[in-house]
Amino acid sequence: ELGGTVVGKGEFEQTDVQLQGTISRFQNLDEEPDVIAICSYGAGGATAIRQLRAAGVETTLWLNLGFAGDFWVDQIGEPLDNTWMSTYVSWTGDDPRAEINELTARYEEEYGEKQDLSYTFMGYQVIQLLAAAIETAGSTDGAAIADALRSNETVGIVGKHIFDPNYNHSFEFALTVMKVENGEASWYKIQEPDPNYDYTSLVAVAQAG
């Protein structure tokens, strides 16, 4: 429905140290994939990428939000190329939104080290959402805050958050696409959700497992 065809699947656990069986299945597919999507995070995901590249698999990689930074890139063992990730913002100082880059600079000044995790910015936005909800509710009561979150259209540092009252989820939240070349991540684009697509249908798929 979204224009792609799944030609193969593989699974691994975060604690797996050898993925040769999964990698071999990819190498023996009848049709070579254009992209391998890796839904993982941190050390386990880096292990999978390292073994894929070591096995000679140079296929384009698409990484999910779980990676959300470049703190794990050095674990690959060689400069990572031909890789894309969906995340919240660019943490490298090249985001087109000035407020993101300003927070990046403030973080480095405060802590003496560069930010390498985009979840930091989402935490900032969470506090902005909470503060706006408390102001709307005129109360710190949990139920009142929840109602305010569902009714507010809050624009925080990361972007607009509108919670669907039926699912308590934001289906209109844009994502940032990052490109990784030669071991360095950089901003590529901001991807707005398709206004014509019913994203609530994905909830049913997720709930069904």
C-alpha atoms as a PDB file:
ATOM      1  CA  GLU A   1       0.000   0.000   0.000  1.00  0.00           C
ATOM      2  CA  LEU A   2       2.908   2.365   0.706  1.00  0.00           C
ATOM      3  CA  GLY A   3       4.772   1.357  -2.437  1.00  0.00           C
ATOM      4  CA  GLY A   4       7.287  -1.169  -1.100  1.00  0.00           C
ATOM      5  CA  THR A   5       7.582  -4.938  -1.287  1.00  0.00           C
ATOM      6  CA  VAL A   6       9.027  -7.036   1.527  1.00  0.00           C
ATOM      7  CA  VAL A   7      11.355  -9.661   0.016  1.00  0.00           C
ATOM      8  CA  GLY A   8      12.683 -11.072   3.283  1.00  0.00           C
ATOM      9  CA  LYS A   9      12.646 -10.806   7.065  1.00  0.00           C
ATOM     10  CA  GLY A  10      15.064 -11.657   9.840  1.00  0.00           C
ATOM     11  CA  GLU A  11      15.045 -11.424  13.607  1.00  0.00           C
ATOM     12  CA  PHE A  12      17.703 -11.054  16.274  1.00  0.00           C
ATOM     13  CA  GLU A  13      17.901 -10.314  19.970  1.00  0.00           C
ATOM     14  CA  GLN A  14      19.866  -7.426  21.465  1.00  0.00           C
ATOM     15  CA  THR A  15      22.102  -9.949  23.229  1.00  0.00           C
ATOM     16  CA  ASP A  16      22.897 -11.973  20.089  1.00  0.00           C
ATOM     17  CA  VAL A  17      26.596 -11.875  19.224  1.00  0.00           C
ATOM     18  CA  GLN A  18      26.424 -13.917  16.017  1.00  0.00           C
ATOM     19  CA  LEU A  19      23.950 -13.156  13.251  1.00  0.00           C
ATOM     20  CA  GLN A  20      25.462 -15.246  10.482  1.00  0.00           C
ATOM     21  CA  GLY A  21      22.289 -17.297   9.977  1.00  0.00           C
ATOM     22  CA  THR A  22      20.155 -14.195   9.483  1.00  0.00           C
ATOM     23  CA  ILE A  23      22.773 -12.583   7.248  1.00  0.00           C
ATOM     24  CA  SER A  24      23.054 -15.726   5.123  1.00  0.00           C
ATOM     25  CA  ARG A  25      19.297 -15.693   4.517  1.00  0.00           C
ATOM     26  CA  PHE A  26      19.571 -12.124   3.208  1.00  0.00           C
ATOM     27  CA  GLN A  27      22.494 -13.060   0.980  1.00  0.00           C
ATOM     28  CA  ASN A  28      20.553 -16.010  -0.465  1.00  0.00           C
ATOM     29  CA  LEU A  29      17.339 -14.138  -1.277  1.00  0.00           C
ATOM     30  CA  ASP A  30      16.047 -14.629  -4.823  1.00  0.00           C
ATOM     31  CA  GLU A  31      15.685 -10.855  -5.134  1.00  0.00           C
ATOM     32  CA  GLU A  32      18.296  -8.525  -3.645  1.00  0.00           C
ATOM     33  CA  PRO A  33      16.597  -5.856  -1.521  1.00  0.00           C
ATOM     34  CA  ASP A  34      17.013  -2.172  -2.305  1.00  0.00           C
ATOM     35  CA  VAL A  35      16.965  -1.332   1.402  1.00  0.00           C
ATOM     36  CA  ILE A  36      17.413  -3.240   4.644  1.00  0.00           C
ATOM     37  CA  ALA A  37      15.386  -1.713   7.479  1.00  0.00           C
ATOM     38  CA  ILE A  38      16.838  -2.407  10.922  1.00  0.00           C
ATOM     39  CA  CYS A  39      14.448  -1.885  13.827  1.00  0.00           C
ATOM     40  CA  SER A  40      16.740  -1.987  16.827  1.00  0.00           C
ATOM     41  CA  TYR A  41      18.811   0.283  19.057  1.00  0.00           C
ATOM     42  CA  GLY A  42      22.212   0.856  20.613  1.00  0.00           C
ATOM     43  CA  ALA A  43      24.734  -1.942  21.011  1.00  0.00           C
ATOM     44  CA  GLY A  44      22.614  -4.762  19.565  1.00  0.00           C
ATOM     45  CA  GLY A  45      21.787  -2.798  16.441  1.00  0.00           C
ATOM     46  CA  ALA A  46      25.419  -1.781  15.997  1.00  0.00           C
ATOM     47  CA  THR A  47      26.413  -5.449  16.231  1.00  0.00           C
ATOM     48  CA  ALA A  48      23.971  -6.315  13.452  1.00  0.00           C
ATOM     49  CA  ILE A  49      25.266  -3.518  11.216  1.00  0.00           C
ATOM     50  CA  ARG A  50      28.907  -4.410  11.877  1.00  0.00           C
ATOM     51  CA  GLN A  51      28.330  -8.043  10.912  1.00  0.00           C
ATOM     52  CA  LEU A  52      26.304  -7.113   7.822  1.00  0.00           C
ATOM     53  CA  ARG A  53      29.071  -4.876   6.539  1.00  0.00           C
ATOM     54  CA  ALA A  54      31.790  -7.388   7.477  1.00  0.00           C
ATOM     55  CA  ALA A  55      29.922 -10.016   5.443  1.00  0.00           C
ATOM     56  CA  GLY A  56      30.092  -7.733   2.408  1.00  0.00           C
ATOM     57  CA  VAL A  57      26.461  -6.594   2.515  1.00  0.00           C
ATOM     58  CA  GLU A  58      26.635  -3.001   1.278  1.00  0.00           C
ATOM     59  CA  THR A  59      22.884  -2.585   0.775  1.00  0.00           C
ATOM     60  CA  THR A  60      21.395   0.753   1.822  1.00  0.00           C
ATOM     61  CA  LEU A  61      20.348   0.665   5.496  1.00  0.00           C
ATOM     62  CA  TRP A  62      17.323   2.389   7.014  1.00  0.00           C
ATOM     63  CA  LEU A  63      17.418   2.715  10.806  1.00  0.00           C
ATOM     64  CA  ASN A  64      14.447   3.366  13.053  1.00  0.00           C
ATOM     65  CA  LEU A  65      14.052   5.856  15.899  1.00  0.00           C
ATOM     66  CA  GLY A  66      15.695   3.465  18.335  1.00  0.00           C
ATOM     67  CA  PHE A  67      19.113   4.458  16.989  1.00  0.00           C
ATOM     68  CA  ALA A  68      18.305   8.195  17.307  1.00  0.00           C
ATOM     69  CA  GLY A  69      21.885   9.452  17.543  1.00  0.00           C
ATOM     70  CA  ASP A  70      25.434   8.545  16.579  1.00  0.00           C
ATOM     71  CA  PHE A  71      26.765   7.419  19.978  1.00  0.00           C
ATOM     72  CA  TRP A  72      26.898   3.851  18.594  1.00  0.00           C
ATOM     73  CA  VAL A  73      28.581   4.522  15.219  1.00  0.00           C
ATOM     74  CA  ASP A  74      32.146   3.891  16.458  1.00  0.00           C
ATOM     75  CA  GLN A  75      31.100   0.342  17.350  1.00  0.00           C
ATOM     76  CA  ILE A  76      30.817  -0.521  13.657  1.00  0.00           C
ATOM     77  CA  GLY A  77      34.610  -0.751  13.336  1.00  0.00           C
ATOM     78  CA  GLU A  78      34.795   1.119  10.027  1.00  0.00           C
ATOM     79  CA  PRO A  79      33.267   4.356   8.722  1.00  0.00           C
ATOM     80  CA  LEU A  80      29.578   3.717   8.125  1.00  0.00           C
ATOM     81  CA  ASP A  81      28.201   4.665   4.701  1.00  0.00           C
ATOM     82  CA  ASN A  82      24.986   4.413   2.704  1.00  0.00           C
ATOM     83  CA  THR A  83      22.819   4.611   5.807  1.00  0.00           C
ATOM     84  CA  TRP A  84      19.716   6.639   6.666  1.00  0.00           C
ATOM     85  CA  MET A  85      17.793   7.034   9.908  1.00  0.00           C
ATOM     86  CA  SER A  86      14.505   8.508  11.014  1.00  0.00           C
ATOM     87  CA  THR A  87      14.727  10.553  14.166  1.00  0.00           C
ATOM     88  CA  TYR A  88      13.416  13.686  15.880  1.00  0.00           C
ATOM     89  CA  VAL A  89      16.004  16.354  15.044  1.00  0.00           C
ATOM     90  CA  SER A  90      19.574  16.740  13.885  1.00  0.00           C
ATOM     91  CA  TRP A  91      21.806  16.789  16.957  1.00  0.00           C
ATOM     92  CA  THR A  92      24.908  17.785  14.934  1.00  0.00           C
ATOM     93  CA  GLY A  93      24.233  21.529  14.724  1.00  0.00           C
ATOM     94  CA  ASP A  94      22.984  21.562  11.109  1.00  0.00           C
ATOM     95  CA  ASP A  95      19.235  21.413  11.737  1.00  0.00           C
ATOM     96  CA  PRO A  96      17.323  24.069   9.741  1.00  0.00           C
ATOM     97  CA  ARG A  97      15.495  25.055  12.950  1.00  0.00           C
ATOM     98  CA  ALA A  98      17.567  27.639  14.808  1.00  0.00           C
ATOM     99  CA  GLU A  99      16.125  26.728  18.217  1.00  0.00           C
ATOM    100  CA  ILE A 100      17.406  23.157  17.831  1.00  0.00           C
ATOM    101  CA  ASN A 101      20.930  24.335  17.072  1.00  0.00           C
ATOM    102  CA  GLU A 102      20.776  26.823  19.947  1.00  0.00           C
ATOM    103  CA  LEU A 103      19.875  24.022  22.371  1.00  0.00           C
ATOM    104  CA  THR A 104      22.684  21.907  20.914  1.00  0.00           C
ATOM    105  CA  ALA A 105      25.158  24.713  21.632  1.00  0.00           C
ATOM    106  CA  ARG A 106      23.758  25.282  25.144  1.00  0.00           C
ATOM    107  CA  TYR A 107      24.134  21.591  25.936  1.00  0.00           C
ATOM    108  CA  GLU A 108      27.787  21.563  24.850  1.00  0.00           C
ATOM    109  CA  GLU A 109      28.498  24.727  26.827  1.00  0.00           C
ATOM    110  CA  GLU A 110      26.809  23.328  29.948  1.00  0.00           C
ATOM    111  CA  TYR A 111      28.252  19.807  29.892  1.00  0.00           C
ATOM    112  CA  GLY A 112      31.505  20.259  27.965  1.00  0.00           C
ATOM    113  CA  GLU A 113      30.674  17.603  25.390  1.00  0.00           C
ATOM    114  CA  LYS A 114      28.730  17.346  22.157  1.00  0.00           C
ATOM    115  CA  GLN A 115      25.195  16.045  22.115  1.00  0.00           C
ATOM    116  CA  ASP A 116      24.956  12.655  20.376  1.00  0.00           C
ATOM    117  CA  LEU A 117      21.376  11.649  21.130  1.00  0.00           C
ATOM    118  CA  SER A 118      18.213  13.178  19.676  1.00  0.00           C
ATOM    119  CA  TYR A 119      16.046  11.945  22.571  1.00  0.00           C
ATOM    120  CA  THR A 120      17.423  14.873  24.579  1.00  0.00           C
ATOM    121  CA  PHE A 121      15.425  17.254  22.400  1.00  0.00           C
ATOM    122  CA  MET A 122      12.306  15.150  22.724  1.00  0.00           C
ATOM    123  CA  GLY A 123      12.661  15.338  26.506  1.00  0.00           C
ATOM    124  CA  TYR A 124      12.765  19.130  26.189  1.00  0.00           C
ATOM    125  CA  GLN A 125       9.597  19.027  24.106  1.00  0.00           C
ATOM    126  CA  VAL A 126       7.859  16.796  26.662  1.00  0.00           C
ATOM    127  CA  ILE A 127       8.404  19.467  29.320  1.00  0.00           C
ATOM    128  CA  GLN A 128       7.049  22.109  26.929  1.00  0.00           C
ATOM    129  CA  LEU A 129       3.949  19.992  26.303  1.00  0.00           C
ATOM    130  CA  LEU A 130       3.456  19.415  30.013  1.00  0.00           C
ATOM    131  CA  ALA A 131       3.836  23.110  30.864  1.00  0.00           C
ATOM    132  CA  ALA A 132       1.323  24.098  28.164  1.00  0.00           C
ATOM    133  CA  ALA A 133      -1.146  21.453  29.371  1.00  0.00           C
ATOM    134  CA  ILE A 134      -0.893  22.611  32.990  1.00  0.00           C
ATOM    135  CA  GLU A 135      -1.503  26.189  31.869  1.00  0.00           C
ATOM    136  CA  THR A 136      -4.535  25.126  29.792  1.00  0.00           C
ATOM    137  CA  ALA A 137      -5.923  22.962  32.588  1.00  0.00           C
ATOM    138  CA  GLY A 138      -5.220  25.521  35.269  1.00  0.00           C
ATOM    139  CA  SER A 139      -4.353  22.538  37.439  1.00  0.00           C
ATOM    140  CA  THR A 140      -1.739  19.859  38.101  1.00  0.00           C
ATOM    141  CA  ASP A 141      -4.419  17.172  38.382  1.00  0.00           C
ATOM    142  CA  GLY A 142      -3.482  14.209  36.173  1.00  0.00           C
ATOM    143  CA  ALA A 143      -6.858  13.778  34.511  1.00  0.00           C
ATOM    144  CA  ALA A 144      -7.131  17.500  33.783  1.00  0.00           C
ATOM    145  CA  ILE A 145      -3.636  17.526  32.276  1.00  0.00           C
ATOM    146  CA  ALA A 146      -4.500  14.506  30.108  1.00  0.00           C
ATOM    147  CA  ASP A 147      -7.609  16.258  28.786  1.00  0.00           C
ATOM    148  CA  ALA A 148      -5.569  19.370  28.032  1.00  0.00           C
ATOM    149  CA  LEU A 149      -2.950  17.338  26.157  1.00  0.00           C
ATOM    150  CA  ARG A 150      -5.714  15.892  23.972  1.00  0.00           C
ATOM    151  CA  SER A 151      -7.191  19.304  23.192  1.00  0.00           C
ATOM    152  CA  ASN A 152      -4.014  21.381  22.838  1.00  0.00           C
ATOM    153  CA  GLU A 153      -2.192  22.005  19.577  1.00  0.00           C
ATOM    154  CA  THR A 154       1.223  22.664  21.037  1.00  0.00           C
ATOM    155  CA  VAL A 155       4.225  23.637  18.924  1.00  0.00           C
ATOM    156  CA  GLY A 156       7.364  22.768  20.853  1.00  0.00           C
ATOM    157  CA  ILE A 157      11.048  22.829  19.972  1.00  0.00           C
ATOM    158  CA  VAL A 158      10.744  19.626  17.917  1.00  0.00           C
ATOM    159  CA  GLY A 159       7.461  20.480  16.216  1.00  0.00           C
ATOM    160  CA  LYS A 160       3.688  20.362  16.412  1.00  0.00           C
ATOM    161  CA  HIS A 161       2.069  17.826  18.706  1.00  0.00           C
ATOM    162  CA  ILE A 162      -1.656  17.082  18.401  1.00  0.00           C
ATOM    163  CA  PHE A 163      -2.787  14.019  20.341  1.00  0.00           C
ATOM    164  CA  ASP A 164      -5.579  11.980  18.781  1.00  0.00           C
ATOM    165  CA  PRO A 165      -8.248  11.733  21.522  1.00  0.00           C
ATOM    166  CA  ASN A 166      -9.066   8.141  20.569  1.00  0.00           C
ATOM    167  CA  TYR A 167      -5.519   6.822  20.582  1.00  0.00           C
ATOM    168  CA  ASN A 168      -3.572   9.300  22.763  1.00  0.00           C
ATOM    169  CA  HIS A 169      -0.998   9.423  19.993  1.00  0.00           C
ATOM    170  CA  SER A 170       0.258  12.162  17.678  1.00  0.00           C
ATOM    171  CA  PHE A 171      -0.287  11.209  14.030  1.00  0.00           C
ATOM    172  CA  GLU A 172       0.725  14.627  12.682  1.00  0.00           C
ATOM    173  CA  PHE A 173       4.256  14.711  14.076  1.00  0.00           C
ATOM    174  CA  ALA A 174       7.015  15.227  11.499  1.00  0.00           C
ATOM    175  CA  LEU A 175      10.222  13.214  11.557  1.00  0.00           C
ATOM    176  CA  THR A 176      13.749  14.205  10.620  1.00  0.00           C
ATOM    177  CA  VAL A 177      15.706  12.104   8.144  1.00  0.00           C
ATOM    178  CA  MET A 178      19.462  11.884   8.771  1.00  0.00           C
ATOM    179  CA  LYS A 179      22.087  10.627   6.337  1.00  0.00           C
ATOM    180  CA  VAL A 180      25.230   8.789   7.490  1.00  0.00           C
ATOM    181  CA  GLU A 181      28.269   8.894   5.222  1.00  0.00           C
ATOM    182  CA  ASN A 182      31.880   8.160   6.148  1.00  0.00           C
ATOM    183  CA  GLY A 183      30.802   7.656   9.753  1.00  0.00           C
ATOM    184  CA  GLU A 184      29.268  11.135  10.036  1.00  0.00           C
ATOM    185  CA  ALA A 185      25.569  11.866  10.458  1.00  0.00           C
ATOM    186  CA  SER A 186      24.039  14.970   8.890  1.00  0.00           C
ATOM    187  CA  TRP A 187      20.582  16.476   8.394  1.00  0.00           C
ATOM    188  CA  TYR A 188      18.851  15.538   5.140  1.00  0.00           C
ATOM    189  CA  LYS A 189      15.191  16.569   5.334  1.00  0.00           C
ATOM    190  CA  ILE A 190      12.110  16.927   7.506  1.00  0.00           C
ATOM    191  CA  GLN A 191       9.425  14.447   6.491  1.00  0.00           C
ATOM    192  CA  GLU A 192       5.884  15.584   7.135  1.00  0.00           C
ATOM    193  CA  PRO A 193       3.216  12.877   7.469  1.00  0.00           C
ATOM    194  CA  ASP A 194       0.967  12.273   4.472  1.00  0.00           C
ATOM    195  CA  PRO A 195      -2.330  14.085   5.251  1.00  0.00           C
ATOM    196  CA  ASN A 196      -4.204  11.619   3.023  1.00  0.00           C
ATOM    197  CA  TYR A 197      -3.036   8.486   4.828  1.00  0.00           C
ATOM    198  CA  ASP A 198      -4.995   6.944   7.699  1.00  0.00           C
ATOM    199  CA  TYR A 199      -2.223   6.385  10.224  1.00  0.00           C
ATOM    200  CA  THR A 200      -4.699   5.059  12.774  1.00  0.00           C
ATOM    201  CA  SER A 201      -4.773   1.847  10.703  1.00  0.00           C
ATOM    202  CA  LEU A 202      -1.198   1.208  11.809  1.00  0.00           C
ATOM    203  CA  VAL A 203      -2.344   1.101  15.418  1.00  0.00           C
ATOM    204  CA  ALA A 204      -4.535  -1.903  14.689  1.00  0.00           C
ATOM    205  CA  VAL A 205      -1.616  -3.634  12.957  1.00  0.00           C
ATOM    206  CA  ALA A 206       0.676  -2.953  15.924  1.00  0.00           C
ATOM    207  CA  GLN A 207      -1.916  -4.157  18.425  1.00  0.00           C
ATOM    208  CA  ALA A 208      -2.403  -7.332  16.427  1.00  0.00           C
ATOM    209  CA  GLY A 209       1.332  -8.034  16.698  1.00  0.00           C
END
